C-alpha cells in the first residue's frame, strides 16, 4: 500500500486510506491481520495462496501463517497450501484440478470438525 508503483495501489487509497498519511496509516495498522494476531489458541486453519496471483503475492499469506504460528498459545493445526500452477484466488485451473483442490479443502474442514469419512 505504500508503493504507488504497484498496480491498483493508488486506486485503493480512496477505499482504504493513503498510508503515507500518518492518521490513515494508524487506522490501517489498527485492523491489519498481520500486525494484530489474536491472543490465545486458534482453531484449525487452512490458509491458501497462489504463486501466480496478481492481486496477493504468495509471500503475504505465507508471512501471515508464520506470524500466526509464532503467536499461537495452543497447538493449533495451521496449514499453508500454496498453489504453484496457473491458478490464482480460486485455486488451480482445469476441471479435474479444481475438483481435487475443492476436495482437499472439504477434507480439511471435515477433519477439523472431527468427521471421519471412510475411504471409498
Protein backbone atom coordinates (compact mmCIF):
# COMPACT_ATOMS: atom_id res chain seq x y z
CA UNK A 1 0.00 0.00 0.00
CA UNK A 2 2.98 2.33 0.44
CA UNK A 3 4.35 1.69 -3.05
CA UNK A 4 2.38 3.66 -5.67
CA UNK A 5 4.17 1.81 -8.49
CA UNK A 6 2.32 -1.43 -7.66
CA UNK A 7 -0.75 -1.83 -9.89
CA UNK A 8 -4.07 -0.94 -8.23
CA UNK A 9 -2.41 0.52 -5.12
CA UNK A 10 -3.23 4.17 -5.74
CA UNK A 11 -6.83 3.38 -6.72
CA UNK A 12 -7.31 1.59 -3.38
CA UNK A 13 -6.29 4.63 -1.36
CA UNK A 14 -9.79 6.07 -1.83
CA UNK A 15 -11.25 2.99 -0.13
CA UNK A 16 -8.62 2.12 2.49
CA UNK A 17 -6.80 5.39 3.05
CA UNK A 18 -3.39 6.63 1.97
CA UNK A 19 -0.78 5.02 4.24
CA UNK A 20 1.58 7.95 3.59
CA UNK A 21 -0.80 9.99 5.78
CA UNK A 22 0.03 9.24 9.46
CA UNK A 23 -3.63 9.12 10.53
CA UNK A 24 -4.59 6.79 7.66
CA UNK A 25 -1.55 4.63 8.40
CA UNK A 26 -2.52 4.31 12.07
CA UNK A 27 -6.08 3.35 11.11
CA UNK A 28 -4.96 0.73 8.55
CA UNK A 29 -2.45 -0.74 11.01
CA UNK A 30 -5.10 -0.99 13.72
CA UNK A 31 -7.06 -3.64 11.78
CA UNK A 32 -4.20 -5.32 9.92
CA UNK A 33 -4.43 -9.10 10.49
CA UNK A 34 -0.63 -9.41 10.35
CA UNK A 35 0.02 -6.64 12.84
CA UNK A 36 -2.75 -7.71 15.23
CA UNK A 37 -2.90 -11.50 15.57
CA UNK A 38 -5.40 -12.51 18.25
CA UNK A 39 -4.05 -13.77 21.55
CA UNK A 40 -4.73 -17.31 22.68
CA UNK A 41 -5.24 -20.55 20.89
CA UNK A 42 -6.68 -20.74 17.40
CA UNK A 43 -8.94 -23.12 15.55
CA UNK A 44 -7.53 -25.32 12.81
CA UNK A 45 -6.80 -23.13 9.78
CA UNK A 46 -6.08 -23.92 6.14
CA UNK A 47 -4.66 -20.81 4.50
CA UNK A 48 -4.28 -20.76 0.73
CA UNK A 49 -2.19 -18.65 -1.61
CA UNK A 50 -1.07 -18.78 -5.21
CA UNK A 51 2.29 -18.10 -6.79
CA UNK A 52 0.69 -16.56 -9.88
CA UNK A 53 -1.95 -14.45 -8.14
CA UNK A 54 -1.59 -10.87 -9.43
CA UNK A 55 -3.55 -9.40 -6.52
CA UNK A 56 -1.93 -11.00 -3.45
CA UNK A 57 1.70 -12.08 -3.68
CA UNK A 58 2.44 -15.55 -2.29
CA UNK A 59 4.61 -14.09 0.46
CA UNK A 60 1.66 -12.30 2.07
CA UNK A 61 -0.34 -15.36 3.21
CA UNK A 62 2.93 -17.22 3.95
CA UNK A 63 4.08 -14.36 6.20
CA UNK A 64 0.69 -14.28 7.94
CA UNK A 65 0.78 -18.04 8.59
CA UNK A 66 4.28 -17.73 10.07
CA UNK A 67 3.07 -14.90 12.31
CA UNK A 68 0.03 -16.89 13.47
CA UNK A 69 2.20 -19.93 14.21
CA UNK A 70 4.67 -17.81 16.17
CA UNK A 71 1.93 -16.23 18.30
CA UNK A 72 -0.30 -19.27 18.87
CA UNK A 73 -0.52 -20.18 22.55
CA UNK A 74 -2.19 -23.51 21.84
CA UNK A 75 -1.34 -26.29 19.48
CA UNK A 76 -3.49 -25.27 16.52
CA UNK A 77 -3.15 -27.09 13.24
CA UNK A 78 -2.28 -24.31 10.83
CA UNK A 79 -1.60 -25.36 7.25
CA UNK A 80 -0.49 -23.28 4.30
CA UNK A 81 -1.39 -24.54 0.83
CA UNK A 82 0.47 -22.79 -1.97
CA UNK A 83 -0.97 -23.16 -5.47
CA UNK A 84 2.03 -23.46 -7.77
CA UNK A 85 0.20 -23.79 -11.08
CA UNK A 86 -1.62 -21.26 -13.22
CA UNK A 87 -4.48 -20.73 -10.75
CA UNK A 88 -4.97 -17.73 -8.53
CA UNK A 89 -7.62 -16.84 -5.89
CA UNK A 90 -9.93 -19.70 -6.84
CA UNK A 91 -7.35 -22.47 -6.99
CA UNK A 92 -5.89 -24.37 -9.93
CA UNK A 93 -7.19 -24.22 -13.47
CA UNK A 94 -8.83 -27.16 -15.21
CA UNK A 95 -11.89 -29.09 -14.09
CA UNK A 96 -10.08 -32.10 -12.57
CA UNK A 97 -7.53 -29.94 -10.76
CA UNK A 98 -10.31 -27.69 -9.43
CA UNK A 99 -12.26 -30.71 -8.15
CA UNK A 100 -9.14 -32.07 -6.41
CA UNK A 101 -8.48 -28.65 -4.84
CA UNK A 102 -12.05 -28.36 -3.56
CA UNK A 103 -11.85 -31.93 -2.22
CA UNK A 104 -8.71 -31.02 -0.24
CA UNK A 105 -10.48 -28.05 1.31
CA UNK A 106 -13.59 -30.07 2.17
CA UNK A 107 -11.46 -32.89 3.62
CA UNK A 108 -9.65 -30.38 5.84
CA UNK A 109 -12.95 -28.92 7.06
CA UNK A 110 -14.47 -32.33 7.79
CA UNK A 111 -11.32 -33.43 9.62
CA UNK A 112 -11.22 -30.21 11.65
CA UNK A 113 -14.83 -30.86 12.67
CA UNK A 114 -13.91 -34.41 13.73
CA UNK A 115 -15.95 -36.01 10.98
CA UNK A 116 -14.25 -39.13 9.68
CA UNK A 117 -15.23 -40.33 6.25
CA UNK A 118 -14.23 -43.90 5.40
CA UNK A 119 -12.18 -44.32 2.22
CA UNK A 120 -14.04 -45.40 -0.89
